[in-house]
Amino acid sequence: MSRDEAWQVLSGAHTGILTTLRRDGVPVTLPVWFVVIDRRIYVSGPAQTKKFGRIQRDPRVSFLVESGSRWAELCGVQATGRATIVDDPAKLEQVREAMHEKYHRYRTDRAAMPEATRAHYDTGVTTIEIVPDERLLNWDNARLGIDCP
């Protein structure tokens, strides 16, 4: 797929897979909600989570989205790049609004959460910006024209 098509797939995906690196170099891979703005990937979450600490120590990250159940349907985009903590108030507001627009119907009402879960999410929020490098790996098996039984 073209670079523009790869960005469309990435932007339209529901959940991304973020990989960060521990101090010893071991990768840690987690599912995250995200938005894409101007070909940058933004992830927000509770400030105390370890993924943000790992990014501050080593900004190298990988980000993957994929879809499809059958081999002939598999489609995905994988980006590598560097992540930084966002501190610009205008950008943070833009990301917050985009996240709300994309995910508000999927969120659990705070009142319905167990107290410990609510406390976990009621802390400060950190947002990262992932700036992908030029390597956008992508695949779309549907384009191969092969239908598997």
N, C-alpha and C. Protein backbone atom coordinates (compact mmCIF):
# COMPACT_ATOMS: atom_id res chain seq x y z
N MET A 1 0.84 -1.18 0.00
CA MET A 1 0.00 0.00 0.00
C MET A 1 0.88 1.24 0.00
N SER A 2 0.33 2.33 -0.46
CA SER A 2 1.09 3.58 -0.49
C SER A 2 1.26 4.12 0.93
N ARG A 3 2.15 5.08 1.08
CA ARG A 3 2.36 5.71 2.39
C ARG A 3 1.07 6.37 2.88
N ASP A 4 0.35 7.04 1.99
CA ASP A 4 -0.92 7.67 2.37
C ASP A 4 -1.93 6.63 2.82
N GLU A 5 -2.00 5.50 2.11
CA GLU A 5 -2.92 4.43 2.51
C GLU A 5 -2.51 3.83 3.85
N ALA A 6 -1.22 3.68 4.07
CA ALA A 6 -0.75 3.16 5.36
C ALA A 6 -1.17 4.10 6.49
N TRP A 7 -1.06 5.40 6.28
CA TRP A 7 -1.48 6.35 7.32
C TRP A 7 -3.00 6.30 7.53
N GLN A 8 -3.76 6.04 6.48
CA GLN A 8 -5.21 5.89 6.63
C GLN A 8 -5.53 4.68 7.50
N VAL A 9 -4.85 3.56 7.24
CA VAL A 9 -5.06 2.36 8.04
C VAL A 9 -4.68 2.64 9.49
N LEU A 10 -3.54 3.26 9.69
CA LEU A 10 -3.08 3.55 11.04
C LEU A 10 -4.09 4.46 11.76
N SER A 11 -4.50 5.53 11.11
CA SER A 11 -5.43 6.48 11.72
C SER A 11 -6.77 5.87 12.07
N GLY A 12 -7.23 4.95 11.24
CA GLY A 12 -8.56 4.37 11.43
C GLY A 12 -8.63 3.21 12.40
N ALA A 13 -7.49 2.73 12.85
CA ALA A 13 -7.48 1.58 13.76
C ALA A 13 -8.00 1.97 15.14
N HIS A 14 -8.59 1.01 15.82
CA HIS A 14 -9.14 1.25 17.15
C HIS A 14 -8.07 1.18 18.24
N THR A 15 -7.29 0.14 18.26
CA THR A 15 -6.29 -0.07 19.32
C THR A 15 -4.92 -0.25 18.68
N GLY A 16 -3.94 0.40 19.27
CA GLY A 16 -2.56 0.25 18.80
C GLY A 16 -1.78 -0.59 19.78
N ILE A 17 -0.67 -1.11 19.32
CA ILE A 17 0.23 -1.90 20.15
C ILE A 17 1.54 -1.11 20.26
N LEU A 18 1.83 -0.62 21.45
CA LEU A 18 3.02 0.20 21.71
C LEU A 18 4.09 -0.65 22.37
N THR A 19 5.30 -0.59 21.82
CA THR A 19 6.43 -1.29 22.42
C THR A 19 7.47 -0.28 22.86
N THR A 20 7.84 -0.37 24.14
CA THR A 20 8.89 0.46 24.73
C THR A 20 9.98 -0.48 25.24
N LEU A 21 11.08 0.10 25.70
CA LEU A 21 12.22 -0.72 26.13
C LEU A 21 12.52 -0.52 27.61
N ARG A 22 12.67 -1.64 28.32
CA ARG A 22 13.10 -1.58 29.72
C ARG A 22 14.58 -1.18 29.78
N ARG A 23 15.05 -0.88 30.98
CA ARG A 23 16.46 -0.51 31.16
C ARG A 23 17.41 -1.54 30.59
N ASP A 24 17.05 -2.82 30.73
CA ASP A 24 17.93 -3.90 30.27
C ASP A 24 17.73 -4.21 28.77
N GLY A 25 16.92 -3.42 28.09
CA GLY A 25 16.71 -3.60 26.66
C GLY A 25 15.58 -4.53 26.28
N VAL A 26 14.96 -5.16 27.27
CA VAL A 26 13.84 -6.07 26.97
C VAL A 26 12.62 -5.25 26.55
N PRO A 27 12.00 -5.61 25.43
CA PRO A 27 10.81 -4.87 24.99
C PRO A 27 9.58 -5.20 25.84
N VAL A 28 8.75 -4.19 26.05
CA VAL A 28 7.48 -4.34 26.74
C VAL A 28 6.41 -3.85 25.77
N THR A 29 5.44 -4.69 25.47
CA THR A 29 4.42 -4.40 24.47
C THR A 29 3.05 -4.36 25.12
N LEU A 30 2.33 -3.25 24.87
CA LEU A 30 1.03 -3.03 25.51
C LEU A 30 0.00 -2.49 24.51
N PRO A 31 -1.27 -2.85 24.67
CA PRO A 31 -2.31 -2.25 23.85
C PRO A 31 -2.64 -0.85 24.38
N VAL A 32 -2.87 0.09 23.48
CA VAL A 32 -3.19 1.46 23.88
C VAL A 32 -4.22 2.06 22.92
N TRP A 33 -4.98 3.01 23.44
CA TRP A 33 -5.81 3.85 22.59
C TRP A 33 -4.94 5.01 22.14
N PHE A 34 -5.21 5.55 20.97
CA PHE A 34 -4.34 6.56 20.39
C PHE A 34 -5.10 7.38 19.35
N VAL A 35 -4.50 8.48 18.95
CA VAL A 35 -4.99 9.27 17.81
C VAL A 35 -3.79 9.64 16.95
N VAL A 36 -4.08 9.90 15.70
CA VAL A 36 -3.07 10.38 14.77
C VAL A 36 -3.45 11.80 14.37
N ILE A 37 -2.49 12.71 14.51
CA ILE A 37 -2.67 14.10 14.11
C ILE A 37 -1.43 14.49 13.31
N ASP A 38 -1.61 14.91 12.09
CA ASP A 38 -0.49 15.34 11.25
C ASP A 38 0.63 14.32 11.19
N ARG A 39 0.24 13.05 11.01
CA ARG A 39 1.19 11.93 10.87
C ARG A 39 2.11 11.78 12.08
N ARG A 40 1.58 12.13 13.22
CA ARG A 40 2.21 11.86 14.51
C ARG A 40 1.21 11.05 15.31
N ILE A 41 1.70 10.14 16.13
CA ILE A 41 0.84 9.26 16.92
C ILE A 41 0.87 9.76 18.36
N TYR A 42 -0.31 9.91 18.97
CA TYR A 42 -0.41 10.40 20.34
C TYR A 42 -1.09 9.35 21.22
N VAL A 43 -0.49 9.12 22.36
CA VAL A 43 -1.00 8.17 23.36
C VAL A 43 -1.05 8.91 24.68
N SER A 44 -2.17 8.80 25.38
CA SER A 44 -2.32 9.41 26.70
C SER A 44 -2.67 8.34 27.71
N GLY A 45 -2.32 8.59 28.98
CA GLY A 45 -2.66 7.65 30.03
C GLY A 45 -2.25 8.17 31.39
N PRO A 46 -2.57 7.41 32.43
CA PRO A 46 -2.19 7.83 33.78
C PRO A 46 -0.69 8.09 33.87
N ALA A 47 -0.34 9.24 34.44
CA ALA A 47 1.05 9.68 34.47
C ALA A 47 2.00 8.70 35.14
N GLN A 48 1.50 7.96 36.11
CA GLN A 48 2.38 7.08 36.89
C GLN A 48 2.70 5.76 36.20
N THR A 49 2.13 5.49 35.02
CA THR A 49 2.37 4.20 34.38
C THR A 49 3.82 4.10 33.91
N LYS A 50 4.33 2.89 33.94
CA LYS A 50 5.74 2.65 33.65
C LYS A 50 6.13 2.94 32.21
N LYS A 51 5.19 2.82 31.28
CA LYS A 51 5.54 3.06 29.88
C LYS A 51 6.11 4.46 29.68
N PHE A 52 5.59 5.44 30.42
CA PHE A 52 6.09 6.81 30.26
C PHE A 52 7.49 6.96 30.86
N GLY A 53 7.76 6.28 31.94
CA GLY A 53 9.11 6.28 32.50
C GLY A 53 10.10 5.63 31.55
N ARG A 54 9.69 4.53 30.93
CA ARG A 54 10.58 3.86 29.97
C ARG A 54 10.89 4.78 28.79
N ILE A 55 9.90 5.52 28.34
CA ILE A 55 10.10 6.44 27.20
C ILE A 55 11.05 7.58 27.59
N GLN A 56 10.95 8.05 28.81
CA GLN A 56 11.86 9.11 29.24
C GLN A 56 13.31 8.61 29.27
N ARG A 57 13.51 7.33 29.61
CA ARG A 57 14.86 6.76 29.63
C ARG A 57 15.36 6.44 28.23
N ASP A 58 14.47 5.92 27.38
CA ASP A 58 14.85 5.51 26.03
C ASP A 58 13.66 5.79 25.12
N PRO A 59 13.76 6.81 24.28
CA PRO A 59 12.60 7.23 23.47
C PRO A 59 12.30 6.35 22.27
N ARG A 60 13.10 5.33 22.01
CA ARG A 60 12.85 4.46 20.85
C ARG A 60 11.59 3.61 21.12
N VAL A 61 10.68 3.62 20.14
CA VAL A 61 9.43 2.87 20.28
C VAL A 61 9.06 2.22 18.95
N SER A 62 8.15 1.27 19.06
CA SER A 62 7.51 0.67 17.90
C SER A 62 6.01 0.76 18.14
N PHE A 63 5.25 0.94 17.05
CA PHE A 63 3.81 1.06 17.16
C PHE A 63 3.18 0.27 16.03
N LEU A 64 2.22 -0.59 16.37
CA LEU A 64 1.60 -1.50 15.40
C LEU A 64 0.09 -1.42 15.48
N VAL A 65 -0.56 -1.43 14.32
CA VAL A 65 -2.01 -1.66 14.24
C VAL A 65 -2.21 -2.79 13.24
N GLU A 66 -3.22 -3.61 13.49
CA GLU A 66 -3.50 -4.73 12.58
C GLU A 66 -4.97 -5.07 12.65
N SER A 67 -5.43 -5.73 11.59
CA SER A 67 -6.81 -6.19 11.55
C SER A 67 -6.88 -7.43 10.66
N GLY A 68 -8.01 -8.10 10.75
CA GLY A 68 -8.24 -9.29 9.93
C GLY A 68 -8.18 -10.55 10.76
N SER A 69 -9.02 -11.50 10.41
CA SER A 69 -9.04 -12.80 11.09
C SER A 69 -8.44 -13.89 10.22
N ARG A 70 -8.85 -13.93 8.97
CA ARG A 70 -8.32 -14.92 8.04
C ARG A 70 -7.06 -14.38 7.39
N TRP A 71 -6.17 -15.27 6.95
CA TRP A 71 -4.92 -14.86 6.34
C TRP A 71 -5.15 -13.86 5.20
N ALA A 72 -6.16 -14.12 4.37
CA ALA A 72 -6.44 -13.28 3.22
C ALA A 72 -6.97 -11.90 3.61
N GLU A 73 -7.28 -11.70 4.88
CA GLU A 73 -7.81 -10.41 5.36
C GLU A 73 -6.78 -9.60 6.13
N LEU A 74 -5.63 -10.19 6.44
CA LEU A 74 -4.67 -9.52 7.32
C LEU A 74 -4.18 -8.21 6.70
N CYS A 75 -4.20 -7.18 7.54
CA CYS A 75 -3.80 -5.84 7.12
C CYS A 75 -3.15 -5.18 8.32
N GLY A 76 -2.06 -4.48 8.13
CA GLY A 76 -1.42 -3.84 9.26
C GLY A 76 -0.39 -2.81 8.85
N VAL A 77 -0.03 -1.99 9.84
CA VAL A 77 1.02 -0.99 9.68
C VAL A 77 1.84 -0.99 10.95
N GLN A 78 3.16 -1.01 10.78
CA GLN A 78 4.08 -0.95 11.92
C GLN A 78 5.03 0.22 11.69
N ALA A 79 5.12 1.10 12.69
CA ALA A 79 6.00 2.26 12.63
C ALA A 79 7.03 2.16 13.74
N THR A 80 8.23 2.60 13.44
CA THR A 80 9.25 2.75 14.47
C THR A 80 9.60 4.23 14.52
N GLY A 81 10.04 4.67 15.68
CA GLY A 81 10.37 6.08 15.80
C GLY A 81 10.76 6.42 17.22
N ARG A 82 10.57 7.69 17.56
CA ARG A 82 10.92 8.19 18.89
C ARG A 82 9.71 8.87 19.51
N ALA A 83 9.59 8.70 20.81
CA ALA A 83 8.47 9.29 21.55
C ALA A 83 9.00 10.33 22.53
N THR A 84 8.24 11.38 22.69
CA THR A 84 8.56 12.41 23.68
C THR A 84 7.28 12.77 24.44
N ILE A 85 7.47 13.27 25.64
CA ILE A 85 6.35 13.74 26.46
C ILE A 85 5.88 15.09 25.90
N VAL A 86 4.58 15.23 25.72
CA VAL A 86 4.00 16.48 25.22
C VAL A 86 3.75 17.41 26.40
N ASP A 87 4.20 18.67 26.26
CA ASP A 87 3.94 19.63 27.34
C ASP A 87 3.27 20.91 26.83
N ASP A 88 3.07 21.03 25.53
CA ASP A 88 2.42 22.20 24.95
C ASP A 88 0.92 22.15 25.25
N PRO A 89 0.38 23.14 25.99
CA PRO A 89 -1.04 23.12 26.36
C PRO A 89 -1.99 23.04 25.17
N ALA A 90 -1.70 23.74 24.09
CA ALA A 90 -2.58 23.71 22.92
C ALA A 90 -2.59 22.32 22.29
N LYS A 91 -1.43 21.69 22.18
CA LYS A 91 -1.36 20.33 21.61
C LYS A 91 -2.07 19.34 22.53
N LEU A 92 -1.87 19.48 23.85
CA LEU A 92 -2.54 18.58 24.80
C LEU A 92 -4.06 18.68 24.66
N GLU A 93 -4.57 19.88 24.49
CA GLU A 93 -6.02 20.06 24.32
C GLU A 93 -6.49 19.46 23.00
N GLN A 94 -5.72 19.64 21.95
CA GLN A 94 -6.06 19.05 20.65
C GLN A 94 -6.11 17.52 20.76
N VAL A 95 -5.14 16.93 21.43
CA VAL A 95 -5.12 15.48 21.60
C VAL A 95 -6.29 15.03 22.47
N ARG A 96 -6.56 15.75 23.56
CA ARG A 96 -7.68 15.39 24.44
C ARG A 96 -9.00 15.38 23.67
N GLU A 97 -9.22 16.41 22.86
CA GLU A 97 -10.45 16.48 22.07
C GLU A 97 -10.53 15.34 21.05
N ALA A 98 -9.42 15.06 20.38
CA ALA A 98 -9.40 13.99 19.39
C ALA A 98 -9.63 12.63 20.04
N MET A 99 -9.04 12.40 21.22
CA MET A 99 -9.25 11.14 21.95
C MET A 99 -10.72 11.02 22.37
N HIS A 100 -11.29 12.11 22.85
CA HIS A 100 -12.71 12.07 23.25
C HIS A 100 -13.58 11.73 22.05
N GLU A 101 -13.32 12.37 20.93
CA GLU A 101 -14.12 12.12 19.72
C GLU A 101 -14.01 10.66 19.29
N LYS A 102 -12.83 10.10 19.35
CA LYS A 102 -12.61 8.74 18.87
C LYS A 102 -13.13 7.68 19.85
N TYR A 103 -13.03 7.93 21.16
CA TYR A 103 -13.27 6.86 22.13
C TYR A 103 -14.38 7.10 23.14
N HIS A 104 -15.06 8.22 23.12
CA HIS A 104 -16.04 8.50 24.19
C HIS A 104 -17.11 7.42 24.32
N ARG A 105 -17.52 6.82 23.21
CA ARG A 105 -18.58 5.81 23.30
C ARG A 105 -18.08 4.46 23.82
N TYR A 106 -16.78 4.30 23.95
CA TYR A 106 -16.21 3.04 24.45
C TYR A 106 -15.81 3.12 25.92
N ARG A 107 -15.79 4.30 26.48
CA ARG A 107 -15.32 4.48 27.85
C ARG A 107 -16.35 4.00 28.87
N THR A 108 -15.85 3.46 29.95
CA THR A 108 -16.70 3.07 31.07
C THR A 108 -16.92 4.29 31.95
N ASP A 109 -18.16 4.52 32.34
CA ASP A 109 -18.47 5.64 33.24
C ASP A 109 -17.68 5.47 34.53
N ARG A 110 -17.05 6.53 35.00
CA ARG A 110 -16.22 6.46 36.22
C ARG A 110 -17.01 5.90 37.41
N ALA A 111 -18.27 6.26 37.53
CA ALA A 111 -19.08 5.79 38.66
C ALA A 111 -19.27 4.28 38.63
N ALA A 112 -19.17 3.66 37.46
CA ALA A 112 -19.36 2.21 37.34
C ALA A 112 -18.07 1.43 37.59
N MET A 113 -16.97 2.13 37.76
CA MET A 113 -15.69 1.45 37.97
C MET A 113 -15.50 1.12 39.46
N PRO A 114 -14.79 0.03 39.75
CA PRO A 114 -14.42 -0.23 41.14
C PRO A 114 -13.55 0.93 41.65
N GLU A 115 -13.60 1.17 42.94
CA GLU A 115 -12.88 2.31 43.52
C GLU A 115 -11.39 2.31 43.18
N ALA A 116 -10.73 1.15 43.24
CA ALA A 116 -9.29 1.09 42.96
C ALA A 116 -9.00 1.47 41.50
N THR A 117 -9.86 1.04 40.60
CA THR A 117 -9.68 1.37 39.18
C THR A 117 -9.90 2.86 38.97
N ARG A 118 -10.93 3.40 39.59
CA ARG A 118 -11.23 4.82 39.48
C ARG A 118 -10.05 5.65 40.01
N ALA A 119 -9.47 5.24 41.13
CA ALA A 119 -8.33 5.96 41.72
C ALA A 119 -7.13 5.91 40.77
N HIS A 120 -6.93 4.77 40.12
CA HIS A 120 -5.81 4.63 39.17
C HIS A 120 -5.94 5.64 38.03
N TYR A 121 -7.15 5.82 37.52
CA TYR A 121 -7.37 6.71 36.38
C TYR A 121 -7.63 8.16 36.77
N ASP A 122 -7.81 8.45 38.05
CA ASP A 122 -8.06 9.82 38.47
C ASP A 122 -6.78 10.58 38.79
N THR A 123 -5.64 10.02 38.45
CA THR A 123 -4.37 10.72 38.64
C THR A 123 -4.12 11.61 37.42
N GLY A 124 -3.01 12.30 37.42
CA GLY A 124 -2.67 13.14 36.28
C GLY A 124 -2.48 12.32 35.02
N VAL A 125 -2.61 12.97 33.88
CA VAL A 125 -2.48 12.32 32.58
C VAL A 125 -1.19 12.77 31.92
N THR A 126 -0.50 11.83 31.31
CA THR A 126 0.67 12.12 30.48
C THR A 126 0.32 11.76 29.05
N THR A 127 0.82 12.55 28.12
CA THR A 127 0.62 12.31 26.70
C THR A 127 1.97 12.25 26.02
N ILE A 128 2.14 11.26 25.16
CA ILE A 128 3.36 11.18 24.37
C ILE A 128 3.04 11.42 22.90
N GLU A 129 4.04 11.91 22.19
CA GLU A 129 3.97 12.07 20.75
C GLU A 129 5.02 11.16 20.15
N ILE A 130 4.58 10.29 19.26
CA ILE A 130 5.50 9.41 18.55
C ILE A 130 5.73 9.99 17.16
N VAL A 131 6.99 10.26 16.87
CA VAL A 131 7.38 10.75 15.56
C VAL A 131 8.00 9.57 14.82
N PRO A 132 7.25 8.99 13.89
CA PRO A 132 7.78 7.83 13.16
C PRO A 132 8.94 8.22 12.26
N ASP A 133 9.88 7.29 12.12
CA ASP A 133 10.93 7.49 11.14
C ASP A 133 10.39 7.11 9.77
N GLU A 134 11.23 7.02 8.79
CA GLU A 134 10.78 6.75 7.42
C GLU A 134 10.33 5.32 7.18
N ARG A 135 10.63 4.41 8.10
CA ARG A 135 10.30 3.00 7.91
C ARG A 135 8.87 2.71 8.36
N LEU A 136 7.95 2.70 7.43
CA LEU A 136 6.57 2.29 7.71
C LEU A 136 6.36 0.93 7.06
N LEU A 137 6.40 -0.12 7.84
CA LEU A 137 6.17 -1.46 7.32
C LEU A 137 4.66 -1.66 7.23
N ASN A 138 4.18 -2.17 6.10
CA ASN A 138 2.73 -2.36 5.97
C ASN A 138 2.44 -3.56 5.10
N TRP A 139 1.25 -4.12 5.28
CA TRP A 139 0.79 -5.25 4.48
C TRP A 139 -0.72 -5.23 4.39
N ASP A 140 -1.23 -5.74 3.30
CA ASP A 140 -2.67 -5.86 3.08
C ASP A 140 -2.88 -7.11 2.22
N ASN A 141 -3.08 -8.24 2.87
CA ASN A 141 -3.19 -9.51 2.15
C ASN A 141 -4.39 -9.55 1.21
N ALA A 142 -5.41 -8.74 1.47
CA ALA A 142 -6.58 -8.72 0.58
C ALA A 142 -6.18 -8.32 -0.83
N ARG A 143 -5.12 -7.57 -0.98
CA ARG A 143 -4.67 -7.11 -2.29
C ARG A 143 -3.99 -8.21 -3.09
N LEU A 144 -3.68 -9.32 -2.45
CA LEU A 144 -3.02 -10.42 -3.14
C LEU A 144 -3.99 -11.19 -4.03
N GLY A 145 -5.28 -11.01 -3.78
CA GLY A 145 -6.29 -11.66 -4.61
C GLY A 145 -6.41 -13.16 -4.39
N ILE A 146 -5.97 -13.63 -3.23
CA ILE A 146 -6.05 -15.04 -2.91
C ILE A 146 -7.13 -15.22 -1.84
N ASP A 147 -8.07 -16.10 -2.10
CA ASP A 147 -9.11 -16.39 -1.11
C ASP A 147 -8.84 -17.75 -0.52
N CYS A 148 -8.60 -17.80 0.76
CA CYS A 148 -8.33 -19.07 1.44
C CYS A 148 -9.65 -19.69 1.89
N PRO A 149 -9.76 -21.01 1.78
CA PRO A 149 -11.01 -21.67 2.20
C PRO A 149 -11.20 -21.60 3.71
